[in-house]
Amino acid sequence: MNDEQLNDLFHASRAQHRDTSRAEFAFETRLMARLRAEREELPLLIWARRLCPAFVVVVLALAGWTFASLGDWRTDAATKSDDLQFVQLVTGKTL
């Protein structure tokens, strides 16, 4: 297809005027009704978005608490380990 044929097709499509009165009828009312219906369908997502910062604070607090308690567990396990005591007995060095 050459440029002249393409231009003719574009000109023909511009020359046609569609009847859009049916689509324009009560457009604002239909749009507002659809937005209202979508808003009523997803209250859980709205609440989740509002509470997201609180969830982040809770997760960070739990992560900090977990890492703090893990540090104590590692030192307790390292001092009470039978393998560690055996290595200290054989080599005479502390790890």
N, C-alpha and C. Protein backbone atom coordinates (compact mmCIF):
# COMPACT_ATOMS: atom_id res chain seq x y z
N MET A 1 0.85 -1.16 0.00
CA MET A 1 0.00 0.00 0.00
C MET A 1 0.91 1.24 0.00
N ASN A 2 0.66 2.13 -0.92
CA ASN A 2 1.50 3.33 -1.00
C ASN A 2 0.91 4.45 -0.15
N ASP A 3 1.64 5.56 -0.10
CA ASP A 3 1.23 6.68 0.74
C ASP A 3 -0.07 7.33 0.26
N GLU A 4 -0.26 7.36 -1.04
CA GLU A 4 -1.48 8.01 -1.57
C GLU A 4 -2.73 7.23 -1.17
N GLN A 5 -2.67 5.91 -1.25
CA GLN A 5 -3.81 5.09 -0.86
C GLN A 5 -4.09 5.22 0.65
N LEU A 6 -3.01 5.27 1.40
CA LEU A 6 -3.17 5.41 2.84
C LEU A 6 -3.78 6.76 3.19
N ASN A 7 -3.36 7.82 2.53
CA ASN A 7 -3.94 9.14 2.75
C ASN A 7 -5.41 9.17 2.36
N ASP A 8 -5.76 8.48 1.28
CA ASP A 8 -7.16 8.41 0.87
C ASP A 8 -8.01 7.71 1.94
N LEU A 9 -7.47 6.64 2.51
CA LEU A 9 -8.19 5.93 3.57
C LEU A 9 -8.37 6.81 4.82
N PHE A 10 -7.32 7.53 5.18
CA PHE A 10 -7.43 8.43 6.33
C PHE A 10 -8.46 9.53 6.07
N HIS A 11 -8.45 10.08 4.85
CA HIS A 11 -9.39 11.13 4.50
C HIS A 11 -10.84 10.60 4.54
N ALA A 12 -11.03 9.38 4.06
CA ALA A 12 -12.37 8.78 4.07
C ALA A 12 -12.86 8.54 5.50
N SER A 13 -11.95 8.12 6.37
CA SER A 13 -12.36 7.87 7.76
C SER A 13 -12.66 9.18 8.49
N ARG A 14 -11.94 10.26 8.15
CA ARG A 14 -12.21 11.56 8.76
C ARG A 14 -13.52 12.14 8.27
N ALA A 15 -13.91 11.81 7.06
CA ALA A 15 -15.13 12.37 6.46
C ALA A 15 -16.39 11.77 7.09
N GLN A 16 -16.30 10.56 7.63
CA GLN A 16 -17.47 9.94 8.24
C GLN A 16 -17.71 10.52 9.63
N HIS A 17 -18.93 10.86 9.90
CA HIS A 17 -19.30 11.38 11.21
C HIS A 17 -20.20 10.35 11.88
N ARG A 18 -19.76 9.87 13.03
CA ARG A 18 -20.54 8.87 13.73
C ARG A 18 -21.55 9.54 14.65
N ASP A 19 -22.63 8.84 14.88
CA ASP A 19 -23.65 9.32 15.80
C ASP A 19 -23.28 8.86 17.21
N THR A 20 -22.79 9.78 18.03
CA THR A 20 -22.35 9.45 19.38
C THR A 20 -23.35 9.88 20.45
N SER A 21 -24.53 10.26 20.04
CA SER A 21 -25.51 10.75 21.01
C SER A 21 -25.92 9.65 22.00
N ARG A 22 -25.96 8.41 21.53
CA ARG A 22 -26.33 7.31 22.43
C ARG A 22 -25.27 7.10 23.50
N ALA A 23 -24.00 7.21 23.14
CA ALA A 23 -22.93 7.05 24.11
C ALA A 23 -22.84 8.23 25.06
N GLU A 24 -23.24 9.41 24.60
CA GLU A 24 -23.17 10.61 25.43
C GLU A 24 -24.32 10.70 26.42
N PHE A 25 -25.41 10.01 26.17
CA PHE A 25 -26.59 10.11 27.01
C PHE A 25 -26.28 9.60 28.42
N ALA A 26 -26.42 10.45 29.41
CA ALA A 26 -26.25 10.12 30.83
C ALA A 26 -24.87 9.54 31.13
N PHE A 27 -23.87 10.03 30.44
CA PHE A 27 -22.51 9.51 30.64
C PHE A 27 -22.02 9.73 32.07
N GLU A 28 -22.23 10.94 32.60
CA GLU A 28 -21.76 11.24 33.95
C GLU A 28 -22.45 10.37 34.99
N THR A 29 -23.73 10.13 34.79
CA THR A 29 -24.47 9.30 35.74
C THR A 29 -23.96 7.87 35.72
N ARG A 30 -23.73 7.34 34.53
CA ARG A 30 -23.22 5.97 34.42
C ARG A 30 -21.81 5.86 35.00
N LEU A 31 -21.00 6.89 34.75
CA LEU A 31 -19.63 6.86 35.26
C LEU A 31 -19.62 6.90 36.79
N MET A 32 -20.41 7.77 37.38
CA MET A 32 -20.46 7.86 38.84
C MET A 32 -21.02 6.57 39.46
N ALA A 33 -22.00 5.97 38.82
CA ALA A 33 -22.56 4.72 39.34
C ALA A 33 -21.52 3.61 39.30
N ARG A 34 -20.74 3.57 38.24
CA ARG A 34 -19.70 2.54 38.13
C ARG A 34 -18.61 2.75 39.17
N LEU A 35 -18.19 4.00 39.37
CA LEU A 35 -17.18 4.28 40.39
C LEU A 35 -17.68 3.94 41.78
N ARG A 36 -18.92 4.25 42.06
CA ARG A 36 -19.51 3.95 43.36
C ARG A 36 -19.57 2.43 43.58
N ALA A 37 -19.94 1.70 42.54
CA ALA A 37 -20.03 0.24 42.66
C ALA A 37 -18.65 -0.37 42.89
N GLU A 38 -17.64 0.13 42.20
CA GLU A 38 -16.29 -0.39 42.39
C GLU A 38 -15.77 -0.08 43.78
N ARG A 39 -16.11 1.09 44.30
CA ARG A 39 -15.67 1.47 45.63
C ARG A 39 -16.33 0.59 46.68
N GLU A 40 -17.57 0.21 46.48
CA GLU A 40 -18.27 -0.64 47.45
C GLU A 40 -17.80 -2.08 47.40
N GLU A 41 -17.28 -2.51 46.26
CA GLU A 41 -16.83 -3.90 46.12
C GLU A 41 -15.51 -4.16 46.84
N LEU A 42 -14.66 -3.16 47.00
CA LEU A 42 -13.32 -3.39 47.50
C LEU A 42 -13.02 -2.65 48.81
N PRO A 43 -13.84 -2.79 49.84
CA PRO A 43 -13.52 -2.08 51.08
C PRO A 43 -12.28 -2.66 51.78
N LEU A 44 -12.03 -3.95 51.58
CA LEU A 44 -10.87 -4.57 52.20
C LEU A 44 -9.58 -3.97 51.66
N LEU A 45 -9.51 -3.73 50.36
CA LEU A 45 -8.31 -3.13 49.79
C LEU A 45 -8.11 -1.70 50.26
N ILE A 46 -9.20 -0.98 50.45
CA ILE A 46 -9.09 0.40 50.93
C ILE A 46 -8.53 0.40 52.36
N TRP A 47 -9.05 -0.48 53.20
CA TRP A 47 -8.55 -0.55 54.57
C TRP A 47 -7.11 -1.04 54.61
N ALA A 48 -6.76 -1.98 53.76
CA ALA A 48 -5.38 -2.49 53.73
C ALA A 48 -4.41 -1.38 53.33
N ARG A 49 -4.81 -0.55 52.38
CA ARG A 49 -3.95 0.55 51.96
C ARG A 49 -3.79 1.56 53.09
N ARG A 50 -4.84 1.81 53.83
CA ARG A 50 -4.76 2.77 54.94
C ARG A 50 -3.94 2.22 56.10
N LEU A 51 -4.01 0.92 56.33
CA LEU A 51 -3.30 0.32 57.46
C LEU A 51 -1.90 -0.17 57.12
N CYS A 52 -1.48 -0.01 55.90
CA CYS A 52 -0.17 -0.50 55.46
C CYS A 52 0.98 0.05 56.31
N PRO A 53 1.02 1.34 56.64
CA PRO A 53 2.12 1.81 57.51
C PRO A 53 2.13 1.13 58.87
N ALA A 54 0.97 0.86 59.43
CA ALA A 54 0.92 0.17 60.72
C ALA A 54 1.44 -1.26 60.58
N PHE A 55 1.10 -1.92 59.49
CA PHE A 55 1.60 -3.28 59.26
C PHE A 55 3.11 -3.29 59.13
N VAL A 56 3.66 -2.29 58.48
CA VAL A 56 5.12 -2.20 58.33
C VAL A 56 5.78 -2.03 59.69
N VAL A 57 5.22 -1.20 60.55
CA VAL A 57 5.78 -1.00 61.89
C VAL A 57 5.73 -2.31 62.68
N VAL A 58 4.64 -3.03 62.59
CA VAL A 58 4.52 -4.30 63.32
C VAL A 58 5.55 -5.31 62.81
N VAL A 59 5.71 -5.40 61.50
CA VAL A 59 6.68 -6.35 60.93
C VAL A 59 8.10 -5.99 61.34
N LEU A 60 8.44 -4.70 61.30
CA LEU A 60 9.79 -4.30 61.71
C LEU A 60 10.03 -4.56 63.20
N ALA A 61 9.02 -4.33 64.02
CA ALA A 61 9.16 -4.61 65.45
C ALA A 61 9.37 -6.10 65.70
N LEU A 62 8.61 -6.94 65.01
CA LEU A 62 8.78 -8.39 65.17
C LEU A 62 10.13 -8.86 64.66
N ALA A 63 10.60 -8.26 63.56
CA ALA A 63 11.92 -8.63 63.03
C ALA A 63 13.01 -8.24 64.03
N GLY A 64 12.91 -7.06 64.61
CA GLY A 64 13.90 -6.65 65.60
C GLY A 64 13.89 -7.53 66.83
N TRP A 65 12.71 -7.88 67.29
CA TRP A 65 12.59 -8.76 68.45
C TRP A 65 13.17 -10.14 68.15
N THR A 66 12.91 -10.64 66.95
CA THR A 66 13.43 -11.95 66.56
C THR A 66 14.94 -11.95 66.50
N PHE A 67 15.53 -10.93 65.87
CA PHE A 67 16.99 -10.88 65.78
C PHE A 67 17.64 -10.68 67.14
N ALA A 68 16.98 -9.92 68.01
CA ALA A 68 17.53 -9.73 69.36
C ALA A 68 17.52 -11.04 70.14
N SER A 69 16.46 -11.81 70.02
CA SER A 69 16.40 -13.08 70.75
C SER A 69 17.29 -14.13 70.10
N LEU A 70 17.52 -14.06 68.80
CA LEU A 70 18.42 -15.01 68.15
C LEU A 70 19.85 -14.82 68.61
N GLY A 71 20.24 -13.60 68.86
CA GLY A 71 21.60 -13.34 69.33
C GLY A 71 21.86 -14.03 70.66
N ASP A 72 20.93 -14.01 71.59
CA ASP A 72 21.07 -14.69 72.87
C ASP A 72 21.11 -16.20 72.68
N TRP A 73 20.30 -16.71 71.77
CA TRP A 73 20.24 -18.15 71.54
C TRP A 73 21.56 -18.66 70.97
N ARG A 74 22.16 -17.89 70.10
CA ARG A 74 23.43 -18.33 69.49
C ARG A 74 24.54 -18.37 70.53
N THR A 75 24.62 -17.38 71.39
CA THR A 75 25.67 -17.40 72.40
C THR A 75 25.44 -18.52 73.41
N ASP A 76 24.19 -18.76 73.79
CA ASP A 76 23.91 -19.86 74.72
C ASP A 76 24.25 -21.20 74.09
N ALA A 77 23.90 -21.38 72.83
CA ALA A 77 24.19 -22.65 72.16
C ALA A 77 25.68 -22.83 71.96
N ALA A 78 26.40 -21.75 71.69
CA ALA A 78 27.84 -21.86 71.46
C ALA A 78 28.58 -22.21 72.76
N THR A 79 28.14 -21.69 73.86
CA THR A 79 28.83 -21.99 75.13
C THR A 79 28.47 -23.37 75.66
N LYS A 80 27.33 -23.90 75.34
CA LYS A 80 26.89 -25.19 75.87
C LYS A 80 27.08 -26.34 74.89
N SER A 81 27.67 -26.08 73.77
CA SER A 81 27.80 -27.12 72.76
C SER A 81 28.85 -28.15 73.16
N ASP A 82 28.52 -29.42 73.01
CA ASP A 82 29.46 -30.49 73.34
C ASP A 82 30.64 -30.49 72.37
N ASP A 83 30.37 -30.20 71.09
CA ASP A 83 31.45 -30.17 70.11
C ASP A 83 32.45 -29.08 70.43
N LEU A 84 31.94 -27.93 70.84
CA LEU A 84 32.81 -26.81 71.16
C LEU A 84 33.68 -27.14 72.38
N GLN A 85 33.09 -27.79 73.37
CA GLN A 85 33.85 -28.18 74.55
C GLN A 85 34.92 -29.21 74.20
N PHE A 86 34.59 -30.12 73.27
CA PHE A 86 35.55 -31.13 72.85
C PHE A 86 36.74 -30.48 72.13
N VAL A 87 36.45 -29.52 71.25
CA VAL A 87 37.52 -28.83 70.53
C VAL A 87 38.40 -28.07 71.51
N GLN A 88 37.77 -27.44 72.51
CA GLN A 88 38.57 -26.71 73.50
C GLN A 88 39.43 -27.66 74.32
N LEU A 89 38.91 -28.83 74.62
CA LEU A 89 39.67 -29.81 75.40
C LEU A 89 40.86 -30.34 74.62
N VAL A 90 40.64 -30.64 73.31
CA VAL A 90 41.71 -31.24 72.50
C VAL A 90 42.76 -30.21 72.13
N THR A 91 42.35 -29.05 71.70
CA THR A 91 43.31 -28.06 71.21
C THR A 91 43.79 -27.11 72.29
N GLY A 92 43.01 -26.93 73.33
CA GLY A 92 43.37 -26.01 74.38
C GLY A 92 43.07 -24.55 74.01
N LYS A 93 42.41 -24.33 72.87
CA LYS A 93 42.08 -22.98 72.43
C LYS A 93 40.56 -22.77 72.55
N THR A 94 40.20 -21.52 72.77
CA THR A 94 38.78 -21.18 72.78
C THR A 94 38.41 -20.59 71.44
N LEU A 95 37.26 -20.96 70.95
CA LEU A 95 36.82 -20.47 69.64
C LEU A 95 35.92 -19.32 69.76
